[in-house]
Every structure is written in C-alpha cells, then in structure tokens.
Amino acid sequence: RGAFAVRGDMGRPADIRAAHASTLARAGRIDVLVCNAGISGPPAPFLSMEEGAWAEMLAVNLTGPMLAGQLAARAMAERGE
C-alpha cells in the first residue's frame, strides 16, 4: 500500500488524461482522487481583469478537477464501485 503523486497542469486536459493513464498503469486502479491545485488569478480589480486570466483560472480551478473527477469516477464505475 502506498500513495504517489502525479505531476501535471490541471489547466491542460491532455495532462489530466496522461496523469489518469499513468496512474492506472502504475497502480492498476484508482481508489481516491485528490485535486490539490488552484490558482487565484492575477491581483487585478474585477473591472480590469483580462479574459485570458479569467479563462485560465476557471480551467485550473473548475474544468480540470471536473475532467479528472469524471475519469476517476468512470474507472471506479467500470469496477462496479
């Protein structure tokens, strides 16, 4: 038994898929998913925040964990869990 970390960028769906595949190859299954990533965005007032910075913050904080969660949940569901 043990734990290990898989490095990737939660804002990049390709990194999330690669981390998922790497985890399954190394461990054979997924029992727990911890999405311990997040960014706060630029220190800018709301009225001057640029759209790209907003999109990056959403990708890392919301979309990435959702995609990772879907992949992990599908792997668990395939095992009947």
Protein backbone atom coordinates (compact mmCIF):
# COMPACT_ATOMS: atom_id res chain seq x y z
CA ARG A 1 0.00 0.00 0.00
CA GLY A 2 1.13 3.50 -0.62
CA ALA A 3 0.48 6.77 -2.27
CA PHE A 4 2.20 8.62 -5.05
CA ALA A 5 1.85 11.94 -6.79
CA VAL A 6 1.38 12.52 -10.48
CA ARG A 7 2.51 15.86 -11.79
CA GLY A 8 0.60 17.76 -14.44
CA ASP A 9 -1.12 21.01 -15.28
CA MET A 10 -4.79 20.95 -14.23
CA GLY A 11 -5.47 23.58 -16.88
CA ARG A 12 -4.47 21.19 -19.68
CA PRO A 13 -6.87 18.34 -20.48
CA ALA A 14 -4.05 16.38 -22.17
CA ASP A 15 -2.06 16.44 -18.91
CA ILE A 16 -5.10 15.23 -16.99
CA ARG A 17 -5.65 12.32 -19.37
CA ALA A 18 -1.92 11.44 -19.24
CA ALA A 19 -1.93 11.51 -15.42
CA HIS A 20 -5.00 9.27 -15.38
CA ALA A 21 -3.40 6.77 -17.77
CA SER A 22 -0.13 6.87 -15.82
CA THR A 23 -1.97 6.19 -12.57
CA LEU A 24 -3.86 3.23 -13.99
CA ALA A 25 -0.65 1.83 -15.48
CA ARG A 26 1.23 2.19 -12.19
CA ALA A 27 -1.46 1.28 -9.66
CA GLY A 28 -3.90 -0.74 -11.74
CA ARG A 29 -6.87 1.11 -10.26
CA ILE A 30 -8.00 4.38 -8.73
CA ASP A 31 -9.46 4.43 -5.24
CA VAL A 32 -9.09 8.11 -4.30
CA LEU A 33 -8.69 11.32 -6.26
CA VAL A 34 -7.29 14.48 -4.68
CA CYS A 35 -7.31 17.55 -6.90
CA ASN A 36 -4.96 19.72 -4.89
CA ALA A 37 -4.45 22.53 -7.36
CA GLY A 38 -5.75 26.02 -7.66
CA ILE A 39 -4.82 29.48 -8.71
CA SER A 40 -6.26 32.80 -7.62
CA GLY A 41 -5.70 34.64 -10.84
CA PRO A 42 -3.93 37.93 -11.27
CA PRO A 43 -4.04 40.52 -8.48
CA ALA A 44 -6.25 42.79 -10.55
CA PRO A 45 -9.51 44.51 -9.78
CA PHE A 46 -12.56 42.88 -11.29
CA LEU A 47 -13.08 45.65 -13.84
CA SER A 48 -9.56 45.33 -15.23
CA MET A 49 -9.21 41.52 -15.20
CA GLU A 50 -8.36 40.21 -18.64
CA GLU A 51 -10.44 37.45 -20.22
CA GLY A 52 -7.43 35.15 -20.68
CA ALA A 53 -6.57 35.29 -16.97
CA TRP A 54 -10.19 34.53 -16.10
CA ALA A 55 -10.26 31.57 -18.52
CA GLU A 56 -7.02 30.16 -17.06
CA MET A 57 -8.38 30.42 -13.52
CA LEU A 58 -11.58 28.58 -14.49
CA ALA A 59 -9.63 25.90 -16.38
CA VAL A 60 -7.38 25.12 -13.40
CA ASN A 61 -9.91 25.55 -10.59
CA LEU A 62 -13.08 24.13 -12.15
CA THR A 63 -12.72 22.42 -15.52
CA GLY A 64 -9.58 20.44 -14.66
CA PRO A 65 -10.95 18.93 -11.46
CA MET A 66 -14.23 18.12 -13.24
CA LEU A 67 -12.38 16.26 -16.00
CA ALA A 68 -10.14 14.43 -13.51
CA GLY A 69 -13.20 13.52 -11.46
CA GLN A 70 -15.01 12.16 -14.49
CA LEU A 71 -12.07 9.97 -15.46
CA ALA A 72 -11.63 8.65 -11.93
CA ALA A 73 -15.36 8.04 -11.48
CA ARG A 74 -15.58 6.18 -14.79
CA ALA A 75 -12.66 3.96 -13.78
CA MET A 76 -14.36 3.22 -10.45
CA ALA A 77 -17.72 2.60 -12.13
CA GLU A 78 -16.13 0.11 -14.51
CA ARG A 79 -15.15 -1.88 -11.42
CA GLY A 80 -18.69 -1.69 -10.12
CA GLU A 81 -17.99 0.92 -7.46
